[in-house]
């Protein structure tokens, strides 16, 4: 996955999380809040996830 695709996916996850929180607080539905929480968790895991590929030394 390229870095552009990764950041685009993270931005979409963040927007969906915010949307779910907004709908959850307006409608009072716990399901929307839970979905928003899971989407935000996925966002933050993606932000702080380290790369498993070892870096190559260029000479």
C-alpha atoms as a PDB file:
ATOM      1  CA  UNK A   1       0.000   0.000   0.000  1.00  0.00           C
ATOM      2  CA  UNK A   2       1.450   3.330  -0.999  1.00  0.00           C
ATOM      3  CA  UNK A   3       1.674   6.137   1.520  1.00  0.00           C
ATOM      4  CA  UNK A   4      -0.892   8.184  -0.424  1.00  0.00           C
ATOM      5  CA  UNK A   5      -3.402   5.336  -0.272  1.00  0.00           C
ATOM      6  CA  UNK A   6      -2.682   4.830   3.422  1.00  0.00           C
ATOM      7  CA  UNK A   7      -3.278   8.489   4.281  1.00  0.00           C
ATOM      8  CA  UNK A   8      -6.416   8.599   2.134  1.00  0.00           C
ATOM      9  CA  UNK A   9      -7.805   5.532   3.935  1.00  0.00           C
ATOM     10  CA  UNK A  10      -6.936   7.078   7.308  1.00  0.00           C
ATOM     11  CA  UNK A  11      -8.671  10.321   6.357  1.00  0.00           C
ATOM     12  CA  UNK A  12     -11.792   8.422   5.295  1.00  0.00           C
ATOM     13  CA  UNK A  13     -11.766   6.437   8.549  1.00  0.00           C
ATOM     14  CA  UNK A  14     -11.419   9.649  10.541  1.00  0.00           C
ATOM     15  CA  UNK A  15     -14.307  11.316   8.684  1.00  0.00           C
ATOM     16  CA  UNK A  16     -16.519   8.269   9.175  1.00  0.00           C
ATOM     17  CA  UNK A  17     -15.657   8.196  12.878  1.00  0.00           C
ATOM     18  CA  UNK A  18     -16.609  11.863  13.274  1.00  0.00           C
ATOM     19  CA  UNK A  19     -19.836  11.289  11.335  1.00  0.00           C
ATOM     20  CA  UNK A  20     -20.773   8.330  13.522  1.00  0.00           C
ATOM     21  CA  UNK A  21     -20.105  10.341  16.681  1.00  0.00           C
ATOM     22  CA  UNK A  22     -22.282  13.177  15.400  1.00  0.00           C
ATOM     23  CA  UNK A  23     -25.157  10.882  14.471  1.00  0.00           C
ATOM     24  CA  UNK A  24     -24.731   8.988  17.723  1.00  0.00           C
ATOM     25  CA  UNK A  25     -25.020  12.046  19.911  1.00  0.00           C
ATOM     26  CA  UNK A  26     -27.944  13.499  17.961  1.00  0.00           C
ATOM     27  CA  UNK A  27     -29.965  10.287  17.730  1.00  0.00           C
ATOM     28  CA  UNK A  28     -28.802   8.886  21.058  1.00  0.00           C
ATOM     29  CA  UNK A  29     -28.128   5.462  19.521  1.00  0.00           C
ATOM     30  CA  UNK A  30     -25.367   3.509  21.250  1.00  0.00           C
ATOM     31  CA  UNK A  31     -24.668   1.500  18.097  1.00  0.00           C
ATOM     32  CA  UNK A  32     -23.553   4.607  16.190  1.00  0.00           C
ATOM     33  CA  UNK A  33     -21.276   5.655  19.035  1.00  0.00           C
ATOM     34  CA  UNK A  34     -19.751   2.168  19.148  1.00  0.00           C
ATOM     35  CA  UNK A  35     -19.173   2.169  15.379  1.00  0.00           C
ATOM     36  CA  UNK A  36     -17.606   5.629  15.630  1.00  0.00           C
ATOM     37  CA  UNK A  37     -15.346   4.425  18.431  1.00  0.00           C
ATOM     38  CA  UNK A  38     -14.226   1.401  16.386  1.00  0.00           C
ATOM     39  CA  UNK A  39     -13.547   3.534  13.309  1.00  0.00           C
ATOM     40  CA  UNK A  40     -11.524   6.022  15.359  1.00  0.00           C
ATOM     41  CA  UNK A  41      -9.596   3.158  16.933  1.00  0.00           C
ATOM     42  CA  UNK A  42      -8.806   1.850  13.443  1.00  0.00           C
ATOM     43  CA  UNK A  43      -7.621   5.348  12.488  1.00  0.00           C
ATOM     44  CA  UNK A  44      -5.256   5.688  15.446  1.00  0.00           C
ATOM     45  CA  UNK A  45      -3.880   2.169  15.013  1.00  0.00           C
ATOM     46  CA  UNK A  46      -3.126   3.063  11.388  1.00  0.00           C
ATOM     47  CA  UNK A  47      -1.432   6.311  12.394  1.00  0.00           C
ATOM     48  CA  UNK A  48       0.916   4.762  14.935  1.00  0.00           C
ATOM     49  CA  UNK A  49       1.518   1.414  13.225  1.00  0.00           C
ATOM     50  CA  UNK A  50       5.173   0.887  12.425  1.00  0.00           C
ATOM     51  CA  UNK A  51       6.380  -0.565   9.190  1.00  0.00           C
ATOM     52  CA  UNK A  52       7.391  -4.219   9.356  1.00  0.00           C
ATOM     53  CA  UNK A  53       9.685  -3.902   6.353  1.00  0.00           C
ATOM     54  CA  UNK A  54      13.349  -3.442   7.220  1.00  0.00           C
ATOM     55  CA  UNK A  55      14.909  -0.361   5.725  1.00  0.00           C
ATOM     56  CA  UNK A  56      17.596  -0.907   3.130  1.00  0.00           C
ATOM     57  CA  UNK A  57      20.842   0.984   3.356  1.00  0.00           C
ATOM     58  CA  UNK A  58      21.624   2.770   0.121  1.00  0.00           C
ATOM     59  CA  UNK A  59      25.295   3.152  -0.658  1.00  0.00           C
END
